[in-house]
Amino acid sequence: MLHYWFVTSQNKSDKLIFWFNGGPGCSSLTGLLDGMGPYLINKDGKSLRKNVYSWNKYASVVYIESPVGVGYSYSLNGKIENSDDNVIIFCFNFLKDIYT
């Protein structure tokens, strides 16, 4: 099961961005909480501040935890499939499920 975070546009834009952090094996929450999300973690690690450069000023953003086994994404059968071919299939099915 692919986990994701959906952050709506601040300006009601109909644009949509799908964000996959680099890696493999790097959580997309890094992009959300340490760069382009609406809030950034302060140096104390306990509080947040608004991000004036947040991407959701211009579009809604879906941060996808991929492949399965990264971040909060998990396997229903305990098997982690992380080859490029399997990652493409998981992501295709995820996007298909969103739009149907």
PDB file of N, CA and C in Angstrom:
ATOM      1  N   MET A   1       0.851  -1.171   0.000  1.00  0.00           N
ATOM      2  CA  MET A   1       0.000   0.000   0.000  1.00  0.00           C
ATOM      3  C   MET A   1       0.898   1.235   0.000  1.00  0.00           C
ATOM      4  N   LEU A   2       0.741   2.055  -1.018  1.00  0.00           N
ATOM      5  CA  LEU A   2       1.519   3.289  -1.081  1.00  0.00           C
ATOM      6  C   LEU A   2       0.862   4.348  -0.213  1.00  0.00           C
ATOM      7  N   HIS A   3       1.644   4.933   0.656  1.00  0.00           N
ATOM      8  CA  HIS A   3       1.177   6.018   1.506  1.00  0.00           C
ATOM      9  C   HIS A   3       1.457   7.333   0.801  1.00  0.00           C
ATOM     10  N   TYR A   4       0.578   8.290   0.998  1.00  0.00           N
ATOM     11  CA  TYR A   4       0.793   9.601   0.390  1.00  0.00           C
ATOM     12  C   TYR A   4       0.239  10.698   1.289  1.00  0.00           C
ATOM     13  N   TRP A   5       0.720  11.891   1.069  1.00  0.00           N
ATOM     14  CA  TRP A   5       0.194  13.094   1.711  1.00  0.00           C
ATOM     15  C   TRP A   5      -0.310  13.993   0.594  1.00  0.00           C
ATOM     16  N   PHE A   6      -1.545  14.492   0.725  1.00  0.00           N
ATOM     17  CA  PHE A   6      -2.120  15.396  -0.265  1.00  0.00           C
ATOM     18  C   PHE A   6      -2.224  16.780   0.362  1.00  0.00           C
ATOM     19  N   VAL A   7      -1.564  17.753  -0.253  1.00  0.00           N
ATOM     20  CA  VAL A   7      -1.577  19.132   0.247  1.00  0.00           C
ATOM     21  C   VAL A   7      -2.295  19.981  -0.797  1.00  0.00           C
ATOM     22  N   THR A   8      -3.436  20.557  -0.419  1.00  0.00           N
ATOM     23  CA  THR A   8      -4.228  21.327  -1.375  1.00  0.00           C
ATOM     24  C   THR A   8      -3.600  22.679  -1.668  1.00  0.00           C
ATOM     25  N   SER A   9      -3.909  23.173  -2.844  1.00  0.00           N
ATOM     26  CA  SER A   9      -3.399  24.469  -3.278  1.00  0.00           C
ATOM     27  C   SER A   9      -3.991  25.584  -2.419  1.00  0.00           C
ATOM     28  N   GLN A  10      -3.169  26.548  -2.066  1.00  0.00           N
ATOM     29  CA  GLN A  10      -3.644  27.705  -1.304  1.00  0.00           C
ATOM     30  C   GLN A  10      -4.504  28.623  -2.167  1.00  0.00           C
ATOM     31  N   ASN A  11      -4.322  28.563  -3.477  1.00  0.00           N
ATOM     32  CA  ASN A  11      -5.019  29.472  -4.389  1.00  0.00           C
ATOM     33  C   ASN A  11      -6.074  28.779  -5.235  1.00  0.00           C
ATOM     34  N   LYS A  12      -6.518  27.624  -4.799  1.00  0.00           N
ATOM     35  CA  LYS A  12      -7.550  26.867  -5.513  1.00  0.00           C
ATOM     36  C   LYS A  12      -7.167  26.582  -6.960  1.00  0.00           C
ATOM     37  N   SER A  13      -5.899  26.376  -7.185  1.00  0.00           N
ATOM     38  CA  SER A  13      -5.398  26.044  -8.516  1.00  0.00           C
ATOM     39  C   SER A  13      -5.865  24.652  -8.913  1.00  0.00           C
ATOM     40  N   ASP A  14      -6.089  24.444 -10.206  1.00  0.00           N
ATOM     41  CA  ASP A  14      -6.442  23.108 -10.675  1.00  0.00           C
ATOM     42  C   ASP A  14      -5.208  22.310 -11.083  1.00  0.00           C
ATOM     43  N   LYS A  15      -4.032  22.886 -10.874  1.00  0.00           N
ATOM     44  CA  LYS A  15      -2.786  22.182 -11.181  1.00  0.00           C
ATOM     45  C   LYS A  15      -2.499  21.152 -10.088  1.00  0.00           C
ATOM     46  N   LEU A  16      -1.868  20.049 -10.489  1.00  0.00           N
ATOM     47  CA  LEU A  16      -1.560  18.971  -9.556  1.00  0.00           C
ATOM     48  C   LEU A  16      -0.149  18.463  -9.823  1.00  0.00           C
ATOM     49  N   ILE A  17       0.648  18.374  -8.768  1.00  0.00           N
ATOM     50  CA  ILE A  17       2.024  17.883  -8.851  1.00  0.00           C
ATOM     51  C   ILE A  17       2.113  16.576  -8.069  1.00  0.00           C
ATOM     52  N   PHE A  18       2.748  15.570  -8.650  1.00  0.00           N
ATOM     53  CA  PHE A  18       3.067  14.334  -7.937  1.00  0.00           C
ATOM     54  C   PHE A  18       4.555  14.365  -7.636  1.00  0.00           C
ATOM     55  N   TRP A  19       4.904  14.261  -6.347  1.00  0.00           N
ATOM     56  CA  TRP A  19       6.303  14.349  -5.924  1.00  0.00           C
ATOM     57  C   TRP A  19       6.787  12.997  -5.419  1.00  0.00           C
ATOM     58  N   PHE A  20       7.865  12.525  -6.033  1.00  0.00           N
ATOM     59  CA  PHE A  20       8.568  11.323  -5.591  1.00  0.00           C
ATOM     60  C   PHE A  20       9.979  11.761  -5.233  1.00  0.00           C
ATOM     61  N   ASN A  21      10.379  11.618  -3.971  1.00  0.00           N
ATOM     62  CA  ASN A  21      11.752  11.974  -3.603  1.00  0.00           C
ATOM     63  C   ASN A  21      12.729  11.034  -4.290  1.00  0.00           C
ATOM     64  N   GLY A  22      13.942  11.505  -4.486  1.00  0.00           N
ATOM     65  CA  GLY A  22      14.982  10.672  -5.084  1.00  0.00           C
ATOM     66  C   GLY A  22      15.355   9.528  -4.164  1.00  0.00           C
ATOM     67  N   GLY A  23      16.182   8.697  -4.640  1.00  0.00           N
ATOM     68  CA  GLY A  23      16.558   7.569  -3.799  1.00  0.00           C
ATOM     69  C   GLY A  23      17.314   6.549  -4.608  1.00  0.00           C
ATOM     70  N   PRO A  24      16.934   5.328  -4.602  1.00  0.00           N
ATOM     71  CA  PRO A  24      15.690   4.830  -4.037  1.00  0.00           C
ATOM     72  C   PRO A  24      15.724   4.734  -2.516  1.00  0.00           C
ATOM     73  N   GLY A  25      14.544   4.691  -1.962  1.00  0.00           N
ATOM     74  CA  GLY A  25      14.440   4.496  -0.526  1.00  0.00           C
ATOM     75  C   GLY A  25      14.374   5.759   0.292  1.00  0.00           C
ATOM     76  N   CYS A  26      14.177   6.897  -0.337  1.00  0.00           N
ATOM     77  CA  CYS A  26      14.113   8.163   0.395  1.00  0.00           C
ATOM     78  C   CYS A  26      12.657   8.602   0.505  1.00  0.00           C
ATOM     79  N   SER A  27      12.203   8.858   1.709  1.00  0.00           N
ATOM     80  CA  SER A  27      10.824   9.247   1.953  1.00  0.00           C
ATOM     81  C   SER A  27      10.499  10.596   1.317  1.00  0.00           C
ATOM     82  N   SER A  28       9.320  10.697   0.718  1.00  0.00           N
ATOM     83  CA  SER A  28       8.862  11.970   0.156  1.00  0.00           C
ATOM     84  C   SER A  28       8.517  12.978   1.240  1.00  0.00           C
ATOM     85  N   LEU A  29       8.426  12.508   2.479  1.00  0.00           N
ATOM     86  CA  LEU A  29       8.202  13.451   3.577  1.00  0.00           C
ATOM     87  C   LEU A  29       9.380  14.398   3.738  1.00  0.00           C
ATOM     88  N   THR A  30      10.553  13.994   3.264  1.00  0.00           N
ATOM     89  CA  THR A  30      11.707  14.894   3.289  1.00  0.00           C
ATOM     90  C   THR A  30      11.408  16.136   2.463  1.00  0.00           C
ATOM     91  N   GLY A  31      10.863  15.949   1.264  1.00  0.00           N
ATOM     92  CA  GLY A  31      10.488  17.087   0.433  1.00  0.00           C
ATOM     93  C   GLY A  31       9.382  17.909   1.059  1.00  0.00           C
ATOM     94  N   LEU A  32       8.411  17.231   1.673  1.00  0.00           N
ATOM     95  CA  LEU A  32       7.285  17.921   2.301  1.00  0.00           C
ATOM     96  C   LEU A  32       7.717  18.754   3.498  1.00  0.00           C
ATOM     97  N   LEU A  33       8.536  18.180   4.375  1.00  0.00           N
ATOM     98  CA  LEU A  33       8.857  18.834   5.650  1.00  0.00           C
ATOM     99  C   LEU A  33      10.182  19.583   5.667  1.00  0.00           C
ATOM    100  N   ASP A  34      10.973  19.444   4.598  1.00  0.00           N
ATOM    101  CA  ASP A  34      12.291  20.077   4.612  1.00  0.00           C
ATOM    102  C   ASP A  34      12.583  20.823   3.314  1.00  0.00           C
ATOM    103  N   GLY A  35      11.545  21.357   2.685  1.00  0.00           N
ATOM    104  CA  GLY A  35      11.840  22.073   1.459  1.00  0.00           C
ATOM    105  C   GLY A  35      10.668  22.775   0.828  1.00  0.00           C
ATOM    106  N   MET A  36       9.640  22.011   0.429  1.00  0.00           N
ATOM    107  CA  MET A  36       8.616  22.624  -0.398  1.00  0.00           C
ATOM    108  C   MET A  36       7.203  22.534   0.138  1.00  0.00           C
ATOM    109  N   GLY A  37       7.026  21.983   1.326  1.00  0.00           N
ATOM    110  CA  GLY A  37       5.701  21.905   1.925  1.00  0.00           C
ATOM    111  C   GLY A  37       5.278  23.230   2.540  1.00  0.00           C
ATOM    112  N   PRO A  38       4.031  23.326   3.009  1.00  0.00           N
ATOM    113  CA  PRO A  38       3.530  24.580   3.574  1.00  0.00           C
ATOM    114  C   PRO A  38       4.185  24.963   4.900  1.00  0.00           C
ATOM    115  N   TYR A  39       4.785  23.988   5.571  1.00  0.00           N
ATOM    116  CA  TYR A  39       5.476  24.253   6.837  1.00  0.00           C
ATOM    117  C   TYR A  39       6.847  23.592   6.813  1.00  0.00           C
ATOM    118  N   LEU A  40       7.776  24.182   7.529  1.00  0.00           N
ATOM    119  CA  LEU A  40       9.123  23.632   7.681  1.00  0.00           C
ATOM    120  C   LEU A  40       9.381  23.360   9.155  1.00  0.00           C
ATOM    121  N   ILE A  41      10.181  22.356   9.446  1.00  0.00           N
ATOM    122  CA  ILE A  41      10.532  22.034  10.828  1.00  0.00           C
ATOM    123  C   ILE A  41      11.632  22.982  11.285  1.00  0.00           C
ATOM    124  N   ASN A  42      11.423  23.591  12.436  1.00  0.00           N
ATOM    125  CA  ASN A  42      12.451  24.467  13.007  1.00  0.00           C
ATOM    126  C   ASN A  42      13.632  23.651  13.514  1.00  0.00           C
ATOM    127  N   LYS A  43      14.741  24.328  13.741  1.00  0.00           N
ATOM    128  CA  LYS A  43      15.969  23.655  14.181  1.00  0.00           C
ATOM    129  C   LYS A  43      15.796  22.920  15.502  1.00  0.00           C
ATOM    130  N   ASP A  44      14.848  23.364  16.344  1.00  0.00           N
ATOM    131  CA  ASP A  44      14.635  22.679  17.622  1.00  0.00           C
ATOM    132  C   ASP A  44      14.001  21.299  17.435  1.00  0.00           C
ATOM    133  N   GLY A  45      13.486  21.017  16.225  1.00  0.00           N
ATOM    134  CA  GLY A  45      12.875  19.727  15.932  1.00  0.00           C
ATOM    135  C   GLY A  45      11.510  19.531  16.559  1.00  0.00           C
ATOM    136  N   LYS A  46      10.971  20.566  17.209  1.00  0.00           N
ATOM    137  CA  LYS A  46       9.710  20.433  17.933  1.00  0.00           C
ATOM    138  C   LYS A  46       8.621  21.369  17.432  1.00  0.00           C
ATOM    139  N   SER A  47       8.980  22.309  16.601  1.00  0.00           N
ATOM    140  CA  SER A  47       8.004  23.299  16.162  1.00  0.00           C
ATOM    141  C   SER A  47       8.136  23.546  14.660  1.00  0.00           C
ATOM    142  N   LEU A  48       7.115  24.201  14.117  1.00  0.00           N
ATOM    143  CA  LEU A  48       7.060  24.465  12.683  1.00  0.00           C
ATOM    144  C   LEU A  48       7.002  25.961  12.413  1.00  0.00           C
ATOM    145  N   ARG A  49       7.358  26.303  11.181  1.00  0.00           N
ATOM    146  CA  ARG A  49       7.180  27.677  10.709  1.00  0.00           C
ATOM    147  C   ARG A  49       6.607  27.604   9.300  1.00  0.00           C
ATOM    148  N   LYS A  50       5.883  28.662   8.896  1.00  0.00           N
ATOM    149  CA  LYS A  50       5.332  28.698   7.544  1.00  0.00           C
ATOM    150  C   LYS A  50       6.451  28.807   6.526  1.00  0.00           C
ATOM    151  N   ASN A  51       6.275  28.133   5.412  1.00  0.00           N
ATOM    152  CA  ASN A  51       7.238  28.169   4.319  1.00  0.00           C
ATOM    153  C   ASN A  51       6.732  29.148   3.257  1.00  0.00           C
ATOM    154  N   VAL A  52       7.392  30.276   3.126  1.00  0.00           N
ATOM    155  CA  VAL A  52       6.957  31.291   2.157  1.00  0.00           C
ATOM    156  C   VAL A  52       7.193  30.839   0.716  1.00  0.00           C
ATOM    157  N   TYR A  53       7.980  29.780   0.528  1.00  0.00           N
ATOM    158  CA  TYR A  53       8.270  29.263  -0.812  1.00  0.00           C
ATOM    159  C   TYR A  53       7.531  27.956  -1.111  1.00  0.00           C
ATOM    160  N   SER A  54       6.511  27.659  -0.355  1.00  0.00           N
ATOM    161  CA  SER A  54       5.788  26.396  -0.505  1.00  0.00           C
ATOM    162  C   SER A  54       5.220  26.230  -1.913  1.00  0.00           C
ATOM    163  N   TRP A  55       5.362  25.028  -2.437  1.00  0.00           N
ATOM    164  CA  TRP A  55       4.847  24.743  -3.779  1.00  0.00           C
ATOM    165  C   TRP A  55       3.326  24.779  -3.832  1.00  0.00           C
ATOM    166  N   ASN A  56       2.652  24.577  -2.689  1.00  0.00           N
ATOM    167  CA  ASN A  56       1.195  24.565  -2.745  1.00  0.00           C
ATOM    168  C   ASN A  56       0.610  25.970  -2.862  1.00  0.00           C
ATOM    169  N   LYS A  57       1.445  26.979  -3.009  1.00  0.00           N
ATOM    170  CA  LYS A  57       0.948  28.310  -3.369  1.00  0.00           C
ATOM    171  C   LYS A  57       0.470  28.315  -4.816  1.00  0.00           C
ATOM    172  N   TYR A  58       0.979  27.382  -5.610  1.00  0.00           N
ATOM    173  CA  TYR A  58       0.728  27.378  -7.050  1.00  0.00           C
ATOM    174  C   TYR A  58      -0.001  26.139  -7.560  1.00  0.00           C
ATOM    175  N   ALA A  59      -0.023  25.089  -6.759  1.00  0.00           N
ATOM    176  CA  ALA A  59      -0.659  23.833  -7.184  1.00  0.00           C
ATOM    177  C   ALA A  59      -0.896  22.954  -5.958  1.00  0.00           C
ATOM    178  N   SER A  60      -1.792  21.992  -6.090  1.00  0.00           N
ATOM    179  CA  SER A  60      -1.917  20.950  -5.073  1.00  0.00           C
ATOM    180  C   SER A  60      -0.778  19.960  -5.299  1.00  0.00           C
ATOM    181  N   VAL A  61      -0.280  19.373  -4.204  1.00  0.00           N
ATOM    182  CA  VAL A  61       0.870  18.475  -4.313  1.00  0.00           C
ATOM    183  C   VAL A  61       0.557  17.155  -3.609  1.00  0.00           C
ATOM    184  N   VAL A  62       0.856  16.042  -4.289  1.00  0.00           N
ATOM    185  CA  VAL A  62       0.742  14.709  -3.706  1.00  0.00           C
ATOM    186  C   VAL A  62       2.159  14.190  -3.489  1.00  0.00           C
ATOM    187  N   TYR A  63       2.517  13.961  -2.220  1.00  0.00           N
ATOM    188  CA  TYR A  63       3.835  13.431  -1.854  1.00  0.00           C
ATOM    189  C   TYR A  63       3.678  11.927  -1.677  1.00  0.00           C
ATOM    190  N   ILE A  64       4.298  11.146  -2.556  1.00  0.00           N
ATOM    191  CA  ILE A  64       4.104   9.695  -2.577  1.00  0.00           C
ATOM    192  C   ILE A  64       5.314   8.986  -1.979  1.00  0.00           C
ATOM    193  N   GLU A  65       5.055   8.110  -1.017  1.00  0.00           N
ATOM    194  CA  GLU A  65       6.088   7.297  -0.381  1.00  0.00           C
ATOM    195  C   GLU A  65       6.297   6.041  -1.229  1.00  0.00           C
ATOM    196  N   SER A  66       7.315   6.065  -2.066  1.00  0.00           N
ATOM    197  CA  SER A  66       7.550   4.966  -2.997  1.00  0.00           C
ATOM    198  C   SER A  66       9.036   4.660  -3.062  1.00  0.00           C
ATOM    199  N   PRO A  67       9.395   3.388  -3.185  1.00  0.00           N
ATOM    200  CA  PRO A  67       8.574   2.196  -3.356  1.00  0.00           C
ATOM    201  C   PRO A  67       7.996   1.708  -2.027  1.00  0.00           C
ATOM    202  N   VAL A  68       7.198   0.638  -2.109  1.00  0.00           N
ATOM    203  CA  VAL A  68       6.661   0.013  -0.901  1.00  0.00           C
ATOM    204  C   VAL A  68       7.824  -0.307   0.032  1.00  0.00           C
ATOM    205  N   GLY A  69       7.639  -0.009   1.320  1.00  0.00           N
ATOM    206  CA  GLY A  69       8.704  -0.220   2.302  1.00  0.00           C
ATOM    207  C   GLY A  69       9.396   1.072   2.685  1.00  0.00           C
ATOM    208  N   VAL A  70       9.114   2.149   1.956  1.00  0.00           N
ATOM    209  CA  VAL A  70       9.687   3.463   2.260  1.00  0.00           C
ATOM    210  C   VAL A  70       8.675   4.261   3.068  1.00  0.00           C
ATOM    211  N   GLY A  71       9.144   4.944   4.100  1.00  0.00           N
ATOM    212  CA  GLY A  71       8.250   5.777   4.903  1.00  0.00           C
ATOM    213  C   GLY A  71       7.113   4.969   5.489  1.00  0.00           C
ATOM    214  N   TYR A  72       5.881   5.445   5.275  1.00  0.00           N
ATOM    215  CA  TYR A  72       4.696   4.768   5.803  1.00  0.00           C
ATOM    216  C   TYR A  72       4.079   3.774   4.815  1.00  0.00           C
ATOM    217  N   SER A  73       4.667   3.608   3.630  1.00  0.00           N
ATOM    218  CA  SER A  73       4.158   2.619   2.680  1.00  0.00           C
ATOM    219  C   SER A  73       4.527   1.219   3.158  1.00  0.00           C
ATOM    220  N   TYR A  74       3.637   0.260   2.908  1.00  0.00           N
ATOM    221  CA  TYR A  74       3.886  -1.089   3.407  1.00  0.00           C
ATOM    222  C   TYR A  74       3.325  -2.133   2.449  1.00  0.00           C
ATOM    223  N   SER A  75       3.755  -3.345   2.639  1.00  0.00           N
ATOM    224  CA  SER A  75       3.307  -4.472   1.832  1.00  0.00           C
ATOM    225  C   SER A  75       2.240  -5.244   2.594  1.00  0.00           C
ATOM    226  N   LEU A  76       1.176  -5.600   1.906  1.00  0.00           N
ATOM    227  CA  LEU A  76       0.112  -6.380   2.540  1.00  0.00           C
ATOM    228  C   LEU A  76       0.537  -7.818   2.812  1.00  0.00           C
ATOM    229  N   ASN A  77       1.463  -8.340   2.005  1.00  0.00           N
ATOM    230  CA  ASN A  77       1.894  -9.728   2.187  1.00  0.00           C
ATOM    231  C   ASN A  77       3.290  -9.840   2.806  1.00  0.00           C
ATOM    232  N   GLY A  78       3.874  -8.711   3.197  1.00  0.00           N
ATOM    233  CA  GLY A  78       5.193  -8.717   3.821  1.00  0.00           C
ATOM    234  C   GLY A  78       6.348  -8.753   2.844  1.00  0.00           C
ATOM    235  N   LYS A  79       6.058  -8.898   1.566  1.00  0.00           N
ATOM    236  CA  LYS A  79       7.093  -8.966   0.543  1.00  0.00           C
ATOM    237  C   LYS A  79       7.342  -7.563  -0.013  1.00  0.00           C
ATOM    238  N   ILE A  80       8.591  -7.155  -0.037  1.00  0.00           N
ATOM    239  CA  ILE A  80       8.963  -5.839  -0.555  1.00  0.00           C
ATOM    240  C   ILE A  80       9.474  -6.009  -1.983  1.00  0.00           C
ATOM    241  N   GLU A  81       8.742  -5.462  -2.924  1.00  0.00           N
ATOM    242  CA  GLU A  81       9.119  -5.500  -4.343  1.00  0.00           C
ATOM    243  C   GLU A  81       9.631  -4.120  -4.715  1.00  0.00           C
ATOM    244  N   ASN A  82      10.930  -3.977  -4.929  1.00  0.00           N
ATOM    245  CA  ASN A  82      11.448  -2.635  -5.199  1.00  0.00           C
ATOM    246  C   ASN A  82      12.283  -2.541  -6.474  1.00  0.00           C
ATOM    247  N   SER A  83      12.065  -3.457  -7.411  1.00  0.00           N
ATOM    248  CA  SER A  83      12.740  -3.323  -8.703  1.00  0.00           C
ATOM    249  C   SER A  83      12.088  -2.171  -9.471  1.00  0.00           C
ATOM    250  N   ASP A  84      12.786  -1.618 -10.436  1.00  0.00           N
ATOM    251  CA  ASP A  84      12.224  -0.524 -11.230  1.00  0.00           C
ATOM    252  C   ASP A  84      10.896  -0.921 -11.865  1.00  0.00           C
ATOM    253  N   ASP A  85      10.820  -2.129 -12.407  1.00  0.00           N
ATOM    254  CA  ASP A  85       9.584  -2.579 -13.047  1.00  0.00           C
ATOM    255  C   ASP A  85       8.426  -2.624 -12.060  1.00  0.00           C
ATOM    256  N   ASN A  86       8.670  -3.138 -10.858  1.00  0.00           N
ATOM    257  CA  ASN A  86       7.605  -3.215  -9.852  1.00  0.00           C
ATOM    258  C   ASN A  86       7.211  -1.838  -9.339  1.00  0.00           C
ATOM    259  N   VAL A  87       8.172  -0.951  -9.169  1.00  0.00           N
ATOM    260  CA  VAL A  87       7.867   0.409  -8.713  1.00  0.00           C
ATOM    261  C   VAL A  87       6.976   1.108  -9.737  1.00  0.00           C
ATOM    262  N   ILE A  88       7.273   0.936 -11.013  1.00  0.00           N
ATOM    263  CA  ILE A  88       6.451   1.540 -12.065  1.00  0.00           C
ATOM    264  C   ILE A  88       5.022   1.004 -12.000  1.00  0.00           C
ATOM    265  N   ILE A  89       4.869  -0.291 -11.806  1.00  0.00           N
ATOM    266  CA  ILE A  89       3.535  -0.897 -11.727  1.00  0.00           C
ATOM    267  C   ILE A  89       2.776  -0.358 -10.518  1.00  0.00           C
ATOM    268  N   PHE A  90       3.420  -0.317  -9.338  1.00  0.00           N
ATOM    269  CA  PHE A  90       2.767   0.213  -8.140  1.00  0.00           C
ATOM    270  C   PHE A  90       2.329   1.657  -8.349  1.00  0.00           C
ATOM    271  N   CYS A  91       3.217   2.473  -8.904  1.00  0.00           N
ATOM    272  CA  CYS A  91       2.902   3.894  -9.097  1.00  0.00           C
ATOM    273  C   CYS A  91       1.809   4.080 -10.140  1.00  0.00           C
ATOM    274  N   PHE A  92       1.845   3.303 -11.219  1.00  0.00           N
ATOM    275  CA  PHE A  92       0.791   3.368 -12.230  1.00  0.00           C
ATOM    276  C   PHE A  92      -0.557   3.025 -11.609  1.00  0.00           C
ATOM    277  N   ASN A  93      -0.620   1.944 -10.845  1.00  0.00           N
ATOM    278  CA  ASN A  93      -1.880   1.543 -10.207  1.00  0.00           C
ATOM    279  C   ASN A  93      -2.352   2.581  -9.205  1.00  0.00           C
ATOM    280  N   PHE A  94      -1.424   3.183  -8.471  1.00  0.00           N
ATOM    281  CA  PHE A  94      -1.770   4.242  -7.526  1.00  0.00           C
ATOM    282  C   PHE A  94      -2.414   5.413  -8.265  1.00  0.00           C
ATOM    283  N   LEU A  95      -1.785   5.872  -9.342  1.00  0.00           N
ATOM    284  CA  LEU A  95      -2.317   7.004 -10.106  1.00  0.00           C
ATOM    285  C   LEU A  95      -3.654   6.650 -10.748  1.00  0.00           C
ATOM    286  N   LYS A  96      -3.782   5.435 -11.237  1.00  0.00           N
ATOM    287  CA  LYS A  96      -5.045   4.979 -11.825  1.00  0.00           C
ATOM    288  C   LYS A  96      -6.155   5.000 -10.776  1.00  0.00           C
ATOM    289  N   ASP A  97      -5.851   4.549  -9.556  1.00  0.00           N
ATOM    290  CA  ASP A  97      -6.848   4.542  -8.480  1.00  0.00           C
ATOM    291  C   ASP A  97      -7.285   5.952  -8.100  1.00  0.00           C
ATOM    292  N   ILE A  98      -6.366   6.902  -8.153  1.00  0.00           N
ATOM    293  CA  ILE A  98      -6.716   8.288  -7.824  1.00  0.00           C
ATOM    294  C   ILE A  98      -7.710   8.854  -8.832  1.00  0.00           C
ATOM    295  N   TYR A  99      -7.513   8.526 -10.087  1.00  0.00           N
ATOM    296  CA  TYR A  99      -8.325   9.117 -11.152  1.00  0.00           C
ATOM    297  C   TYR A  99      -9.565   8.320 -11.526  1.00  0.00           C
ATOM    298  N   THR A 100      -9.809   7.184 -10.857  1.00  0.00           N
ATOM    299  CA  THR A 100     -11.015   6.419 -11.185  1.00  0.00           C
ATOM    300  C   THR A 100     -11.939   6.328 -10.009  1.00  0.00           C
TER     301      THR A 100
END
